[in-house]
């Protein structure tokens, strides 16, 4: 851990109930996962552990931390997120309750931990049905334009071959989605597996950087992609979410969003690549996501899903 990170953690803890006034020698600070931000677990004898989140370099260009905090607090009220103990949004600092006895989910954990896709589906339904109003609207195609603008400001960053062609070919999809009178709900919008914490009875959800009001089926399609869900796992999640068989149009929206999330997060990965983020190989991340998007959109049955969505809007 570098000195600026250590000082930022200590400054945040100095204003956190139960940790204020503790000397550094009393603290055990352990780095956790995270692709863009720096996340640390902090333990001290006789204190409940906490999680400290420091912002990743360059994230201020595309993340509104005040909006993130408002939405995270709404998620706490919805009963799906751990309590926030201290926040300084202008600095991107966040201190949260550390949940005991939970497993941080990964694609492998979703595959091997029984009923975990169902618990994730139930957690997302709890959030979507909470009646909370998230700040901001998650606009897929607007975000694509915004990421392209961010990339243009970072100098020459090559897009994967054919990216603009795929965006253009997605226009009928945009029209079909726009025609659906779906009720917007408070959505996570970036449901990485690692943002789900499983205690065996329920899922908790963290990291609301990209949260906003959205079509709730985005969260389901995106989680299916991030978790590398099999058809059976996706069906388990959808049945738990709906409490019934989903309609053809609902399945269609989930499948469409599986393609569209890869189209969007391709650009997010390129922003990380341009920022020099070394958490992983973000060029490979981006090209892999784009290739997966193309494969799904070129499947013979993909048009039928778009047709089902369009038919439901009539």
C-alpha atoms as a PDB file:
ATOM      1  CA  UNK A   1       0.000   0.000   0.000  1.00  0.00           C
ATOM      2  CA  UNK A   2       1.419   3.378  -0.970  1.00  0.00           C
ATOM      3  CA  UNK A   3       1.597   6.281   1.446  1.00  0.00           C
ATOM      4  CA  UNK A   4      -1.215   8.394  -0.136  1.00  0.00           C
ATOM      5  CA  UNK A   5      -3.605   5.428   0.120  1.00  0.00           C
ATOM      6  CA  UNK A   6      -2.620   4.812   3.733  1.00  0.00           C
ATOM      7  CA  UNK A   7      -3.168   8.460   4.642  1.00  0.00           C
ATOM      8  CA  UNK A   8      -6.540   8.524   2.867  1.00  0.00           C
ATOM      9  CA  UNK A   9      -7.650   5.408   4.783  1.00  0.00           C
ATOM     10  CA  UNK A  10      -6.536   6.875   8.102  1.00  0.00           C
ATOM     11  CA  UNK A  11      -8.303  10.158   7.332  1.00  0.00           C
ATOM     12  CA  UNK A  12     -11.555   8.327   6.544  1.00  0.00           C
ATOM     13  CA  UNK A  13     -11.300   6.199   9.683  1.00  0.00           C
ATOM     14  CA  UNK A  14     -10.719   9.286  11.808  1.00  0.00           C
ATOM     15  CA  UNK A  15     -14.319  10.261  11.038  1.00  0.00           C
ATOM     16  CA  UNK A  16     -15.816   6.772  11.238  1.00  0.00           C
ATOM     17  CA  UNK A  17     -17.757   5.883  14.407  1.00  0.00           C
ATOM     18  CA  UNK A  18     -15.818   3.324  16.449  1.00  0.00           C
ATOM     19  CA  UNK A  19     -12.556   3.987  14.617  1.00  0.00           C
ATOM     20  CA  UNK A  20     -11.981   7.656  15.342  1.00  0.00           C
ATOM     21  CA  UNK A  21      -8.908   8.173  17.481  1.00  0.00           C
ATOM     22  CA  UNK A  22      -7.435   4.711  17.019  1.00  0.00           C
ATOM     23  CA  UNK A  23      -3.695   4.722  16.291  1.00  0.00           C
ATOM     24  CA  UNK A  24      -2.442   3.150  13.092  1.00  0.00           C
ATOM     25  CA  UNK A  25      -0.701   0.466  15.161  1.00  0.00           C
ATOM     26  CA  UNK A  26      -4.112  -0.804  16.314  1.00  0.00           C
ATOM     27  CA  UNK A  27      -5.332  -1.360  12.740  1.00  0.00           C
ATOM     28  CA  UNK A  28      -4.957  -4.294  10.392  1.00  0.00           C
ATOM     29  CA  UNK A  29      -5.544  -3.135   6.819  1.00  0.00           C
ATOM     30  CA  UNK A  30      -6.036  -5.778   4.120  1.00  0.00           C
ATOM     31  CA  UNK A  31      -6.415  -5.064   0.398  1.00  0.00           C
ATOM     32  CA  UNK A  32      -9.523  -6.574  -1.175  1.00  0.00           C
ATOM     33  CA  UNK A  33     -10.524  -6.972  -4.818  1.00  0.00           C
ATOM     34  CA  UNK A  34     -11.572  -4.227  -7.231  1.00  0.00           C
ATOM     35  CA  UNK A  35     -10.989  -3.487 -10.906  1.00  0.00           C
ATOM     36  CA  UNK A  36     -10.904   0.306 -10.722  1.00  0.00           C
ATOM     37  CA  UNK A  37     -11.163   1.395  -7.083  1.00  0.00           C
ATOM     38  CA  UNK A  38      -8.978   0.494  -4.110  1.00  0.00           C
ATOM     39  CA  UNK A  39     -10.896  -1.496  -1.505  1.00  0.00           C
ATOM     40  CA  UNK A  40      -9.569  -2.374   1.943  1.00  0.00           C
ATOM     41  CA  UNK A  41     -10.865  -4.303   4.929  1.00  0.00           C
ATOM     42  CA  UNK A  42      -9.881  -2.741   8.243  1.00  0.00           C
ATOM     43  CA  UNK A  43      -9.867  -4.695  11.515  1.00  0.00           C
ATOM     44  CA  UNK A  44      -9.177  -3.513  15.053  1.00  0.00           C
ATOM     45  CA  UNK A  45      -9.480  -5.509  18.258  1.00  0.00           C
ATOM     46  CA  UNK A  46     -12.821  -4.940  19.937  1.00  0.00           C
ATOM     47  CA  UNK A  47     -14.267  -3.205  16.864  1.00  0.00           C
ATOM     48  CA  UNK A  48     -16.493  -4.434  14.080  1.00  0.00           C
ATOM     49  CA  UNK A  49     -14.532  -4.623  10.806  1.00  0.00           C
ATOM     50  CA  UNK A  50     -15.219  -2.017   8.149  1.00  0.00           C
ATOM     51  CA  UNK A  51     -14.556  -1.680   4.429  1.00  0.00           C
ATOM     52  CA  UNK A  52     -12.856   1.457   3.098  1.00  0.00           C
ATOM     53  CA  UNK A  53     -13.214   2.347  -0.584  1.00  0.00           C
ATOM     54  CA  UNK A  54     -10.808   4.783  -2.232  1.00  0.00           C
ATOM     55  CA  UNK A  55     -11.582   6.034  -5.753  1.00  0.00           C
ATOM     56  CA  UNK A  56      -9.630   4.729  -8.720  1.00  0.00           C
ATOM     57  CA  UNK A  57      -7.440   7.076 -10.730  1.00  0.00           C
ATOM     58  CA  UNK A  58      -9.372   8.884 -13.458  1.00  0.00           C
ATOM     59  CA  UNK A  59     -12.809   7.749 -12.278  1.00  0.00           C
ATOM     60  CA  UNK A  60     -13.844  11.344 -11.620  1.00  0.00           C
ATOM     61  CA  UNK A  61     -14.149  11.758 -15.400  1.00  0.00           C
ATOM     62  CA  UNK A  62     -17.135   9.433 -15.633  1.00  0.00           C
ATOM     63  CA  UNK A  63     -18.502   8.775 -12.116  1.00  0.00           C
ATOM     64  CA  UNK A  64     -20.601  11.227 -10.117  1.00  0.00           C
ATOM     65  CA  UNK A  65     -19.710  10.363  -6.517  1.00  0.00           C
ATOM     66  CA  UNK A  66     -22.543  12.420  -4.996  1.00  0.00           C
ATOM     67  CA  UNK A  67     -25.044  10.493  -7.089  1.00  0.00           C
ATOM     68  CA  UNK A  68     -23.331   7.239  -6.141  1.00  0.00           C
ATOM     69  CA  UNK A  69     -23.690   8.032  -2.441  1.00  0.00           C
ATOM     70  CA  UNK A  70     -27.371   8.943  -2.741  1.00  0.00           C
ATOM     71  CA  UNK A  71     -28.087   5.697  -4.574  1.00  0.00           C
ATOM     72  CA  UNK A  72     -26.029   3.598  -2.154  1.00  0.00           C
ATOM     73  CA  UNK A  73     -27.978   5.089   0.747  1.00  0.00           C
ATOM     74  CA  UNK A  74     -31.231   4.259  -1.053  1.00  0.00           C
ATOM     75  CA  UNK A  75     -30.001   0.664  -1.511  1.00  0.00           C
ATOM     76  CA  UNK A  76     -29.348   0.475   2.238  1.00  0.00           C
ATOM     77  CA  UNK A  77     -32.934   1.597   2.868  1.00  0.00           C
ATOM     78  CA  UNK A  78     -34.095  -1.044   0.380  1.00  0.00           C
ATOM     79  CA  UNK A  79     -32.440  -3.677   2.546  1.00  0.00           C
ATOM     80  CA  UNK A  80     -30.002  -4.984  -0.051  1.00  0.00           C
ATOM     81  CA  UNK A  81     -26.759  -3.154   0.853  1.00  0.00           C
ATOM     82  CA  UNK A  82     -24.565  -2.910   3.972  1.00  0.00           C
ATOM     83  CA  UNK A  83     -24.739   0.259   6.065  1.00  0.00           C
ATOM     84  CA  UNK A  84     -22.637   3.279   5.126  1.00  0.00           C
ATOM     85  CA  UNK A  85     -20.687   4.551   8.124  1.00  0.00           C
ATOM     86  CA  UNK A  86     -18.895   7.526   6.597  1.00  0.00           C
ATOM     87  CA  UNK A  87     -18.651   9.136   3.177  1.00  0.00           C
ATOM     88  CA  UNK A  88     -16.928  12.094   1.604  1.00  0.00           C
ATOM     89  CA  UNK A  89     -18.205  12.053  -1.968  1.00  0.00           C
ATOM     90  CA  UNK A  90     -16.078  14.972  -3.164  1.00  0.00           C
ATOM     91  CA  UNK A  91     -13.034  12.800  -2.393  1.00  0.00           C
ATOM     92  CA  UNK A  92     -14.618   9.507  -3.438  1.00  0.00           C
ATOM     93  CA  UNK A  93     -14.201   8.095   0.090  1.00  0.00           C
ATOM     94  CA  UNK A  94     -16.647   5.531   1.408  1.00  0.00           C
ATOM     95  CA  UNK A  95     -16.594   3.500   4.632  1.00  0.00           C
ATOM     96  CA  UNK A  96     -19.097   0.666   4.919  1.00  0.00           C
ATOM     97  CA  UNK A  97     -20.108  -2.019   7.351  1.00  0.00           C
ATOM     98  CA  UNK A  98     -18.186  -5.233   6.732  1.00  0.00           C
ATOM     99  CA  UNK A  99     -20.571  -8.180   6.569  1.00  0.00           C
ATOM    100  CA  UNK A 100     -19.452 -11.315   8.374  1.00  0.00           C
ATOM    101  CA  UNK A 101     -19.938 -14.796   7.016  1.00  0.00           C
ATOM    102  CA  UNK A 102     -20.390 -13.787   3.400  1.00  0.00           C
ATOM    103  CA  UNK A 103     -18.811 -15.111   0.221  1.00  0.00           C
ATOM    104  CA  UNK A 104     -17.799 -12.649  -2.459  1.00  0.00           C
ATOM    105  CA  UNK A 105     -19.298 -14.057  -5.601  1.00  0.00           C
ATOM    106  CA  UNK A 106     -17.396 -14.959  -8.756  1.00  0.00           C
ATOM    107  CA  UNK A 107     -18.535 -16.822 -11.881  1.00  0.00           C
ATOM    108  CA  UNK A 108     -17.150 -20.002 -10.311  1.00  0.00           C
ATOM    109  CA  UNK A 109     -18.960 -19.379  -7.019  1.00  0.00           C
ATOM    110  CA  UNK A 110     -22.230 -18.803  -8.843  1.00  0.00           C
ATOM    111  CA  UNK A 111     -21.671 -22.133 -10.589  1.00  0.00           C
ATOM    112  CA  UNK A 112     -20.907 -24.208  -7.492  1.00  0.00           C
ATOM    113  CA  UNK A 113     -22.873 -22.567  -4.639  1.00  0.00           C
ATOM    114  CA  UNK A 114     -26.355 -24.024  -4.634  1.00  0.00           C
ATOM    115  CA  UNK A 115     -29.281 -21.695  -5.436  1.00  0.00           C
ATOM    116  CA  UNK A 116     -27.012 -18.650  -5.656  1.00  0.00           C
ATOM    117  CA  UNK A 117     -28.491 -17.482  -9.000  1.00  0.00           C
ATOM    118  CA  UNK A 118     -31.922 -17.611  -7.376  1.00  0.00           C
ATOM    119  CA  UNK A 119     -30.750 -15.580  -4.380  1.00  0.00           C
ATOM    120  CA  UNK A 120     -29.257 -12.998  -6.725  1.00  0.00           C
ATOM    121  CA  UNK A 121     -32.520 -12.798  -8.654  1.00  0.00           C
ATOM    122  CA  UNK A 122     -34.446 -12.335  -5.402  1.00  0.00           C
ATOM    123  CA  UNK A 123     -32.056  -9.592  -4.243  1.00  0.00           C
ATOM    124  CA  UNK A 124     -32.455  -7.695  -7.502  1.00  0.00           C
ATOM    125  CA  UNK A 125     -36.243  -7.999  -7.253  1.00  0.00           C
ATOM    126  CA  UNK A 126     -36.087  -6.619  -3.704  1.00  0.00           C
ATOM    127  CA  UNK A 127     -34.123  -3.618  -4.966  1.00  0.00           C
ATOM    128  CA  UNK A 128     -36.314  -3.043  -8.008  1.00  0.00           C
ATOM    129  CA  UNK A 129     -39.552  -3.292  -5.995  1.00  0.00           C
ATOM    130  CA  UNK A 130     -38.302  -1.158  -3.096  1.00  0.00           C
ATOM    131  CA  UNK A 131     -40.011   2.034  -4.220  1.00  0.00           C
ATOM    132  CA  UNK A 132     -36.731   3.917  -3.806  1.00  0.00           C
ATOM    133  CA  UNK A 133     -35.916   6.578  -6.392  1.00  0.00           C
ATOM    134  CA  UNK A 134     -32.318   6.474  -7.561  1.00  0.00           C
ATOM    135  CA  UNK A 135     -30.671   9.676  -8.721  1.00  0.00           C
ATOM    136  CA  UNK A 136     -30.029   9.731 -12.454  1.00  0.00           C
ATOM    137  CA  UNK A 137     -31.193   7.734 -15.439  1.00  0.00           C
ATOM    138  CA  UNK A 138     -29.029   4.957 -16.854  1.00  0.00           C
ATOM    139  CA  UNK A 139     -29.217   5.638 -20.595  1.00  0.00           C
ATOM    140  CA  UNK A 140     -27.436   2.924 -22.558  1.00  0.00           C
ATOM    141  CA  UNK A 141     -26.905   4.704 -25.857  1.00  0.00           C
ATOM    142  CA  UNK A 142     -26.199   8.052 -24.206  1.00  0.00           C
ATOM    143  CA  UNK A 143     -23.510   6.341 -22.123  1.00  0.00           C
ATOM    144  CA  UNK A 144     -21.960   4.856 -25.254  1.00  0.00           C
ATOM    145  CA  UNK A 145     -21.668   8.388 -26.673  1.00  0.00           C
ATOM    146  CA  UNK A 146     -20.257   9.689 -23.369  1.00  0.00           C
ATOM    147  CA  UNK A 147     -17.594   6.972 -23.188  1.00  0.00           C
ATOM    148  CA  UNK A 148     -16.601   7.700 -26.789  1.00  0.00           C
ATOM    149  CA  UNK A 149     -16.215  11.363 -25.797  1.00  0.00           C
ATOM    150  CA  UNK A 150     -14.073  10.417 -22.798  1.00  0.00           C
ATOM    151  CA  UNK A 151     -11.892   8.249 -25.044  1.00  0.00           C
ATOM    152  CA  UNK A 152     -11.507  11.044 -27.590  1.00  0.00           C
ATOM    153  CA  UNK A 153     -10.141  13.221 -24.801  1.00  0.00           C
ATOM    154  CA  UNK A 154      -7.461  10.676 -23.943  1.00  0.00           C
ATOM    155  CA  UNK A 155      -5.648  10.753 -27.258  1.00  0.00           C
ATOM    156  CA  UNK A 156      -5.529   7.966 -29.776  1.00  0.00           C
ATOM    157  CA  UNK A 157      -7.215   4.830 -28.415  1.00  0.00           C
ATOM    158  CA  UNK A 158      -8.159   2.374 -31.136  1.00  0.00           C
ATOM    159  CA  UNK A 159     -11.617   0.843 -31.054  1.00  0.00           C
ATOM    160  CA  UNK A 160     -12.051  -2.836 -31.919  1.00  0.00           C
ATOM    161  CA  UNK A 161     -12.606  -3.282 -35.656  1.00  0.00           C
ATOM    162  CA  UNK A 162     -16.246  -2.799 -36.568  1.00  0.00           C
ATOM    163  CA  UNK A 163     -17.342  -1.191 -33.306  1.00  0.00           C
ATOM    164  CA  UNK A 164     -19.194   1.703 -34.956  1.00  0.00           C
ATOM    165  CA  UNK A 165     -20.825  -0.728 -37.400  1.00  0.00           C
ATOM    166  CA  UNK A 166     -22.256  -2.764 -34.526  1.00  0.00           C
ATOM    167  CA  UNK A 167     -23.518   0.395 -32.794  1.00  0.00           C
ATOM    168  CA  UNK A 168     -25.260   1.377 -36.049  1.00  0.00           C
ATOM    169  CA  UNK A 169     -26.781  -2.102 -36.416  1.00  0.00           C
ATOM    170  CA  UNK A 170     -28.166  -1.788 -32.887  1.00  0.00           C
ATOM    171  CA  UNK A 171     -30.479   1.067 -33.916  1.00  0.00           C
ATOM    172  CA  UNK A 172     -33.480  -1.299 -34.493  1.00  0.00           C
ATOM    173  CA  UNK A 173     -32.828  -2.696 -31.019  1.00  0.00           C
ATOM    174  CA  UNK A 174     -32.922   0.810 -29.570  1.00  0.00           C
ATOM    175  CA  UNK A 175     -36.210   1.463 -31.344  1.00  0.00           C
ATOM    176  CA  UNK A 176     -37.715  -1.790 -30.045  1.00  0.00           C
ATOM    177  CA  UNK A 177     -36.651  -1.026 -26.464  1.00  0.00           C
ATOM    178  CA  UNK A 178     -37.883   2.573 -26.685  1.00  0.00           C
ATOM    179  CA  UNK A 179     -41.313   1.312 -27.765  1.00  0.00           C
ATOM    180  CA  UNK A 180     -41.710  -0.843 -24.643  1.00  0.00           C
ATOM    181  CA  UNK A 181     -43.577   0.843 -21.813  1.00  0.00           C
ATOM    182  CA  UNK A 182     -41.392  -0.642 -19.090  1.00  0.00           C
ATOM    183  CA  UNK A 183     -41.547   0.854 -15.616  1.00  0.00           C
ATOM    184  CA  UNK A 184     -38.199   2.261 -14.568  1.00  0.00           C
ATOM    185  CA  UNK A 185     -36.793   0.972 -11.289  1.00  0.00           C
ATOM    186  CA  UNK A 186     -33.763   1.648  -9.092  1.00  0.00           C
ATOM    187  CA  UNK A 187     -31.108  -0.519 -10.727  1.00  0.00           C
ATOM    188  CA  UNK A 188     -27.533  -1.434  -9.946  1.00  0.00           C
ATOM    189  CA  UNK A 189     -26.622  -1.288 -13.654  1.00  0.00           C
ATOM    190  CA  UNK A 190     -23.162  -2.847 -13.137  1.00  0.00           C
ATOM    191  CA  UNK A 191     -23.883  -6.242 -11.570  1.00  0.00           C
ATOM    192  CA  UNK A 192     -20.429  -7.770 -11.574  1.00  0.00           C
ATOM    193  CA  UNK A 193     -20.361 -11.045  -9.668  1.00  0.00           C
ATOM    194  CA  UNK A 194     -18.000  -9.462  -7.148  1.00  0.00           C
ATOM    195  CA  UNK A 195     -20.675  -6.899  -6.288  1.00  0.00           C
ATOM    196  CA  UNK A 196     -22.801  -9.708  -4.803  1.00  0.00           C
ATOM    197  CA  UNK A 197     -22.103 -11.025  -1.310  1.00  0.00           C
ATOM    198  CA  UNK A 198     -23.788 -14.304  -0.357  1.00  0.00           C
ATOM    199  CA  UNK A 199     -24.466 -15.319   3.239  1.00  0.00           C
ATOM    200  CA  UNK A 200     -26.191 -18.552   2.195  1.00  0.00           C
ATOM    201  CA  UNK A 201     -29.665 -17.217   2.937  1.00  0.00           C
ATOM    202  CA  UNK A 202     -29.664 -13.989   0.926  1.00  0.00           C
ATOM    203  CA  UNK A 203     -27.536 -11.877  -1.347  1.00  0.00           C
ATOM    204  CA  UNK A 204     -26.245  -8.433  -0.504  1.00  0.00           C
ATOM    205  CA  UNK A 205     -25.301  -5.958  -3.235  1.00  0.00           C
ATOM    206  CA  UNK A 206     -22.521  -3.353  -3.131  1.00  0.00           C
ATOM    207  CA  UNK A 207     -20.901  -0.718  -5.373  1.00  0.00           C
ATOM    208  CA  UNK A 208     -23.543   1.601  -6.827  1.00  0.00           C
ATOM    209  CA  UNK A 209     -21.200   3.750  -8.931  1.00  0.00           C
ATOM    210  CA  UNK A 210     -23.293   3.244 -12.059  1.00  0.00           C
ATOM    211  CA  UNK A 211     -26.685   2.966 -10.379  1.00  0.00           C
ATOM    212  CA  UNK A 212     -29.690   4.793 -11.775  1.00  0.00           C
ATOM    213  CA  UNK A 213     -33.288   4.424 -12.822  1.00  0.00           C
ATOM    214  CA  UNK A 214     -33.408   1.868 -15.604  1.00  0.00           C
ATOM    215  CA  UNK A 215     -35.314  -0.994 -17.154  1.00  0.00           C
ATOM    216  CA  UNK A 216     -34.867  -3.596 -14.384  1.00  0.00           C
ATOM    217  CA  UNK A 217     -34.225  -6.369 -16.880  1.00  0.00           C
ATOM    218  CA  UNK A 218     -30.867  -4.759 -17.666  1.00  0.00           C
ATOM    219  CA  UNK A 219     -29.596  -5.976 -14.280  1.00  0.00           C
ATOM    220  CA  UNK A 220     -30.685  -9.535 -15.062  1.00  0.00           C
ATOM    221  CA  UNK A 221     -29.141  -9.647 -18.513  1.00  0.00           C
ATOM    222  CA  UNK A 222     -25.910  -8.061 -17.332  1.00  0.00           C
ATOM    223  CA  UNK A 223     -25.549 -10.405 -14.349  1.00  0.00           C
ATOM    224  CA  UNK A 224     -26.103 -13.411 -16.607  1.00  0.00           C
ATOM    225  CA  UNK A 225     -23.215 -12.218 -18.791  1.00  0.00           C
ATOM    226  CA  UNK A 226     -20.904 -11.332 -15.917  1.00  0.00           C
ATOM    227  CA  UNK A 227     -21.572 -14.654 -14.185  1.00  0.00           C
ATOM    228  CA  UNK A 228     -21.165 -16.699 -17.363  1.00  0.00           C
ATOM    229  CA  UNK A 229     -24.545 -18.216 -16.534  1.00  0.00           C
ATOM    230  CA  UNK A 230     -25.610 -21.366 -18.285  1.00  0.00           C
ATOM    231  CA  UNK A 231     -29.160 -21.538 -19.623  1.00  0.00           C
ATOM    232  CA  UNK A 232     -30.154 -23.437 -16.472  1.00  0.00           C
ATOM    233  CA  UNK A 233     -28.581 -20.825 -14.172  1.00  0.00           C
ATOM    234  CA  UNK A 234     -30.242 -17.984 -16.056  1.00  0.00           C
ATOM    235  CA  UNK A 235     -33.607 -19.740 -15.843  1.00  0.00           C
ATOM    236  CA  UNK A 236     -33.135 -20.232 -12.090  1.00  0.00           C
ATOM    237  CA  UNK A 237     -32.426 -16.517 -11.671  1.00  0.00           C
ATOM    238  CA  UNK A 238     -35.419 -15.482 -13.791  1.00  0.00           C
ATOM    239  CA  UNK A 239     -37.861 -17.816 -12.023  1.00  0.00           C
ATOM    240  CA  UNK A 240     -36.761 -16.476  -8.632  1.00  0.00           C
ATOM    241  CA  UNK A 241     -37.032 -12.905  -9.906  1.00  0.00           C
ATOM    242  CA  UNK A 242     -40.483 -13.169 -11.499  1.00  0.00           C
ATOM    243  CA  UNK A 243     -41.969 -15.906  -9.318  1.00  0.00           C
ATOM    244  CA  UNK A 244     -43.343 -17.337 -12.566  1.00  0.00           C
ATOM    245  CA  UNK A 245     -42.341 -18.165 -16.101  1.00  0.00           C
ATOM    246  CA  UNK A 246     -41.129 -15.003 -17.828  1.00  0.00           C
ATOM    247  CA  UNK A 247     -42.931 -13.947 -20.996  1.00  0.00           C
ATOM    248  CA  UNK A 248     -41.297 -14.120 -24.425  1.00  0.00           C
ATOM    249  CA  UNK A 249     -40.911 -10.332 -24.401  1.00  0.00           C
ATOM    250  CA  UNK A 250     -39.270 -10.378 -20.963  1.00  0.00           C
ATOM    251  CA  UNK A 251     -36.814 -13.051 -22.071  1.00  0.00           C
ATOM    252  CA  UNK A 252     -36.223 -11.028 -25.220  1.00  0.00           C
ATOM    253  CA  UNK A 253     -35.267  -7.943 -23.253  1.00  0.00           C
ATOM    254  CA  UNK A 254     -32.889  -9.957 -21.068  1.00  0.00           C
ATOM    255  CA  UNK A 255     -31.160 -11.419 -24.134  1.00  0.00           C
ATOM    256  CA  UNK A 256     -30.938  -8.027 -25.840  1.00  0.00           C
ATOM    257  CA  UNK A 257     -29.377  -6.518 -22.742  1.00  0.00           C
ATOM    258  CA  UNK A 258     -26.839  -9.341 -22.640  1.00  0.00           C
ATOM    259  CA  UNK A 259     -25.558  -8.105 -26.005  1.00  0.00           C
ATOM    260  CA  UNK A 260     -25.882  -4.418 -25.169  1.00  0.00           C
ATOM    261  CA  UNK A 261     -23.999  -4.631 -21.866  1.00  0.00           C
ATOM    262  CA  UNK A 262     -21.021  -6.116 -23.698  1.00  0.00           C
ATOM    263  CA  UNK A 263     -21.265  -3.319 -26.267  1.00  0.00           C
ATOM    264  CA  UNK A 264     -21.193  -0.702 -23.492  1.00  0.00           C
ATOM    265  CA  UNK A 265     -18.580  -2.249 -21.217  1.00  0.00           C
ATOM    266  CA  UNK A 266     -16.243  -2.693 -24.191  1.00  0.00           C
ATOM    267  CA  UNK A 267     -15.824   1.085 -24.064  1.00  0.00           C
ATOM    268  CA  UNK A 268     -15.504   1.111 -20.274  1.00  0.00           C
ATOM    269  CA  UNK A 269     -12.617  -1.330 -20.614  1.00  0.00           C
ATOM    270  CA  UNK A 270     -10.960   0.915 -23.194  1.00  0.00           C
ATOM    271  CA  UNK A 271     -11.196   3.849 -20.772  1.00  0.00           C
ATOM    272  CA  UNK A 272      -9.399   1.736 -18.156  1.00  0.00           C
ATOM    273  CA  UNK A 273      -6.793   0.784 -20.775  1.00  0.00           C
ATOM    274  CA  UNK A 274      -6.275   4.461 -21.675  1.00  0.00           C
ATOM    275  CA  UNK A 275      -5.943   5.357 -17.984  1.00  0.00           C
ATOM    276  CA  UNK A 276      -3.160   2.801 -17.543  1.00  0.00           C
ATOM    277  CA  UNK A 277      -5.167   0.654 -15.126  1.00  0.00           C
ATOM    278  CA  UNK A 278      -3.117  -2.508 -14.550  1.00  0.00           C
ATOM    279  CA  UNK A 279      -5.731  -4.442 -12.552  1.00  0.00           C
ATOM    280  CA  UNK A 280      -6.032  -6.663 -15.608  1.00  0.00           C
ATOM    281  CA  UNK A 281      -5.381  -6.666 -19.360  1.00  0.00           C
ATOM    282  CA  UNK A 282      -8.116  -4.208 -20.326  1.00  0.00           C
ATOM    283  CA  UNK A 283      -7.404  -4.351 -24.050  1.00  0.00           C
ATOM    284  CA  UNK A 284      -8.089  -8.098 -23.969  1.00  0.00           C
ATOM    285  CA  UNK A 285     -11.082  -7.457 -21.690  1.00  0.00           C
ATOM    286  CA  UNK A 286     -12.555  -5.031 -24.238  1.00  0.00           C
ATOM    287  CA  UNK A 287     -11.969  -7.098 -27.349  1.00  0.00           C
ATOM    288  CA  UNK A 288     -13.316 -10.218 -25.650  1.00  0.00           C
ATOM    289  CA  UNK A 289     -16.519  -8.419 -24.673  1.00  0.00           C
ATOM    290  CA  UNK A 290     -16.932  -6.970 -28.140  1.00  0.00           C
ATOM    291  CA  UNK A 291     -16.421 -10.352 -29.785  1.00  0.00           C
ATOM    292  CA  UNK A 292     -19.022 -11.887 -27.458  1.00  0.00           C
ATOM    293  CA  UNK A 293     -21.476  -9.118 -28.347  1.00  0.00           C
ATOM    294  CA  UNK A 294     -21.014  -9.791 -32.061  1.00  0.00           C
ATOM    295  CA  UNK A 295     -21.487 -13.544 -31.616  1.00  0.00           C
ATOM    296  CA  UNK A 296     -24.790 -13.053 -29.777  1.00  0.00           C
ATOM    297  CA  UNK A 297     -26.132 -10.428 -32.187  1.00  0.00           C
ATOM    298  CA  UNK A 298     -25.238 -12.651 -35.155  1.00  0.00           C
ATOM    299  CA  UNK A 299     -26.999 -15.710 -33.771  1.00  0.00           C
ATOM    300  CA  UNK A 300     -29.849 -16.890 -36.047  1.00  0.00           C
ATOM    301  CA  UNK A 301     -32.383 -16.583 -33.207  1.00  0.00           C
ATOM    302  CA  UNK A 302     -31.374 -13.100 -32.042  1.00  0.00           C
ATOM    303  CA  UNK A 303     -33.836 -11.387 -34.359  1.00  0.00           C
ATOM    304  CA  UNK A 304     -36.662 -13.410 -32.844  1.00  0.00           C
ATOM    305  CA  UNK A 305     -35.924 -11.928 -29.412  1.00  0.00           C
ATOM    306  CA  UNK A 306     -36.067  -8.399 -30.873  1.00  0.00           C
ATOM    307  CA  UNK A 307     -39.337  -9.299 -32.613  1.00  0.00           C
ATOM    308  CA  UNK A 308     -40.823 -10.559 -29.337  1.00  0.00           C
ATOM    309  CA  UNK A 309     -39.950  -7.287 -27.626  1.00  0.00           C
ATOM    310  CA  UNK A 310     -41.361  -5.251 -30.490  1.00  0.00           C
ATOM    311  CA  UNK A 311     -44.584  -7.323 -30.541  1.00  0.00           C
ATOM    312  CA  UNK A 312     -45.204  -6.663 -26.844  1.00  0.00           C
ATOM    313  CA  UNK A 313     -45.162  -2.928 -27.509  1.00  0.00           C
ATOM    314  CA  UNK A 314     -48.107  -3.064 -29.907  1.00  0.00           C
END
